[in-house]
Amino acid sequence: MPTVFRDGPYRYYWFSQEPDEPPHVHVDRGTCSAKFWLRRVALARNMGFPAHELRRIREVVERRQPELLEAWNGFFGHERG
């Protein structure tokens, strides 16, 4: 599970076995976890984050979307979906 970056208590990462999915990023804090699509930033899944934290995380993903997409393409070697 390569970590892309950390922001405070949040870890932004992806699973190396998901190269055939569209670009996305997972975010964890403690036992909470979320997944955001990157091409058009959208919440794919939430497990435990309250709404106010999801808004903050989404803002970070939107602000860093170009960097995340570039890192995705660099890691997986291609763009999918």
C-alpha atoms as a PDB file:
ATOM      1  CA  MET A   1       0.000   0.000   0.000  1.00  0.00           C
ATOM      2  CA  PRO A   2       2.172   2.867  -1.221  1.00  0.00           C
ATOM      3  CA  THR A   3       1.615   6.106   0.666  1.00  0.00           C
ATOM      4  CA  VAL A   4       1.285   9.065  -1.705  1.00  0.00           C
ATOM      5  CA  PHE A   5       1.374  11.677   1.081  1.00  0.00           C
ATOM      6  CA  ARG A   6       0.230  12.435   4.608  1.00  0.00           C
ATOM      7  CA  ASP A   7      -1.769  15.448   5.702  1.00  0.00           C
ATOM      8  CA  GLY A   8      -2.074  15.748   9.463  1.00  0.00           C
ATOM      9  CA  PRO A   9      -3.684  12.540  10.733  1.00  0.00           C
ATOM     10  CA  TYR A  10      -4.692  11.437   7.203  1.00  0.00           C
ATOM     11  CA  ARG A  11      -2.799   8.963   5.050  1.00  0.00           C
ATOM     12  CA  TYR A  12      -3.433   9.146   1.282  1.00  0.00           C
ATOM     13  CA  TYR A  13      -2.466   5.943  -0.555  1.00  0.00           C
ATOM     14  CA  TRP A  14      -3.455   3.289  -3.051  1.00  0.00           C
ATOM     15  CA  PHE A  15      -3.309  -0.474  -3.242  1.00  0.00           C
ATOM     16  CA  SER A  16      -0.742  -1.731  -5.723  1.00  0.00           C
ATOM     17  CA  GLN A  17      -3.122  -4.521  -6.831  1.00  0.00           C
ATOM     18  CA  GLU A  18      -5.739  -2.082  -8.216  1.00  0.00           C
ATOM     19  CA  PRO A  19      -4.145  -0.930 -11.504  1.00  0.00           C
ATOM     20  CA  ASP A  20      -7.209  -1.770 -13.606  1.00  0.00           C
ATOM     21  CA  GLU A  21      -9.532   0.524 -11.671  1.00  0.00           C
ATOM     22  CA  PRO A  22      -9.964   4.160 -12.660  1.00  0.00           C
ATOM     23  CA  PRO A  23      -7.582   6.523 -10.827  1.00  0.00           C
ATOM     24  CA  HIS A  24      -8.517   6.880  -7.177  1.00  0.00           C
ATOM     25  CA  VAL A  25      -7.012   7.425  -3.761  1.00  0.00           C
ATOM     26  CA  HIS A  26      -7.728   5.846  -0.392  1.00  0.00           C
ATOM     27  CA  VAL A  27      -7.631   7.933   2.778  1.00  0.00           C
ATOM     28  CA  ASP A  28      -7.342   6.562   6.309  1.00  0.00           C
ATOM     29  CA  ARG A  29      -7.354   8.005   9.791  1.00  0.00           C
ATOM     30  CA  GLY A  30      -7.453   5.497  12.625  1.00  0.00           C
ATOM     31  CA  THR A  31     -10.263   3.063  11.857  1.00  0.00           C
ATOM     32  CA  CYS A  32     -11.964   5.397   9.340  1.00  0.00           C
ATOM     33  CA  SER A  33     -11.410   4.926   5.624  1.00  0.00           C
ATOM     34  CA  ALA A  34     -12.631   6.560   2.411  1.00  0.00           C
ATOM     35  CA  LYS A  35     -11.994   6.194  -1.305  1.00  0.00           C
ATOM     36  CA  PHE A  36     -12.174   9.076  -3.805  1.00  0.00           C
ATOM     37  CA  TRP A  37     -12.199   8.887  -7.597  1.00  0.00           C
ATOM     38  CA  LEU A  38      -9.628  11.265  -9.075  1.00  0.00           C
ATOM     39  CA  ARG A  39     -10.610  12.039 -12.652  1.00  0.00           C
ATOM     40  CA  ARG A  40     -13.781  13.773 -11.511  1.00  0.00           C
ATOM     41  CA  VAL A  41     -13.257  14.018  -7.781  1.00  0.00           C
ATOM     42  CA  ALA A  42     -16.084  12.123  -6.106  1.00  0.00           C
ATOM     43  CA  LEU A  43     -16.529  10.001  -3.023  1.00  0.00           C
ATOM     44  CA  ALA A  44     -16.560   6.320  -3.951  1.00  0.00           C
ATOM     45  CA  ARG A  45     -16.855   4.858  -0.447  1.00  0.00           C
ATOM     46  CA  ASN A  46     -16.870   5.979   3.172  1.00  0.00           C
ATOM     47  CA  MET A  47     -16.361   3.827   6.207  1.00  0.00           C
ATOM     48  CA  GLY A  48     -16.660   5.886   9.359  1.00  0.00           C
ATOM     49  CA  PHE A  49     -15.692   9.455   8.488  1.00  0.00           C
ATOM     50  CA  PRO A  50     -18.213  12.092   9.604  1.00  0.00           C
ATOM     51  CA  ALA A  51     -19.435  14.547   6.953  1.00  0.00           C
ATOM     52  CA  HIS A  52     -17.248  17.443   8.112  1.00  0.00           C
ATOM     53  CA  GLU A  53     -14.089  15.350   7.739  1.00  0.00           C
ATOM     54  CA  LEU A  54     -15.146  14.088   4.315  1.00  0.00           C
ATOM     55  CA  ARG A  55     -15.548  17.696   3.166  1.00  0.00           C
ATOM     56  CA  ARG A  56     -12.045  18.526   4.364  1.00  0.00           C
ATOM     57  CA  ILE A  57     -10.546  15.430   2.756  1.00  0.00           C
ATOM     58  CA  ARG A  58     -12.352  16.129  -0.522  1.00  0.00           C
ATOM     59  CA  GLU A  59     -10.956  19.682  -0.534  1.00  0.00           C
ATOM     60  CA  VAL A  60      -7.442  18.271  -0.169  1.00  0.00           C
ATOM     61  CA  VAL A  61      -8.039  15.738  -2.965  1.00  0.00           C
ATOM     62  CA  GLU A  62      -9.439  18.460  -5.247  1.00  0.00           C
ATOM     63  CA  ARG A  63      -6.543  20.813  -4.522  1.00  0.00           C
ATOM     64  CA  ARG A  64      -3.969  18.085  -5.116  1.00  0.00           C
ATOM     65  CA  GLN A  65      -5.794  16.290  -7.950  1.00  0.00           C
ATOM     66  CA  PRO A  66      -3.142  17.021 -10.638  1.00  0.00           C
ATOM     67  CA  GLU A  67      -0.375  15.758  -8.356  1.00  0.00           C
ATOM     68  CA  LEU A  68      -2.391  12.650  -7.435  1.00  0.00           C
ATOM     69  CA  LEU A  69      -3.161  11.839 -11.087  1.00  0.00           C
ATOM     70  CA  GLU A  70       0.487  12.302 -12.039  1.00  0.00           C
ATOM     71  CA  ALA A  71       1.587  10.046  -9.182  1.00  0.00           C
ATOM     72  CA  TRP A  72      -1.048   7.434 -10.149  1.00  0.00           C
ATOM     73  CA  ASN A  73       0.152   7.399 -13.756  1.00  0.00           C
ATOM     74  CA  GLY A  74       3.778   7.269 -12.672  1.00  0.00           C
ATOM     75  CA  PHE A  75       3.173   4.401 -10.259  1.00  0.00           C
ATOM     76  CA  PHE A  76       0.941   2.286 -12.496  1.00  0.00           C
ATOM     77  CA  GLY A  77       2.671   3.350 -15.705  1.00  0.00           C
ATOM     78  CA  HIS A  78      -0.526   4.255 -17.530  1.00  0.00           C
ATOM     79  CA  GLU A  79      -3.885   5.945 -17.177  1.00  0.00           C
ATOM     80  CA  ARG A  80      -6.977   3.797 -16.812  1.00  0.00           C
ATOM     81  CA  GLY A  81     -10.698   4.378 -16.920  1.00  0.00           C
END
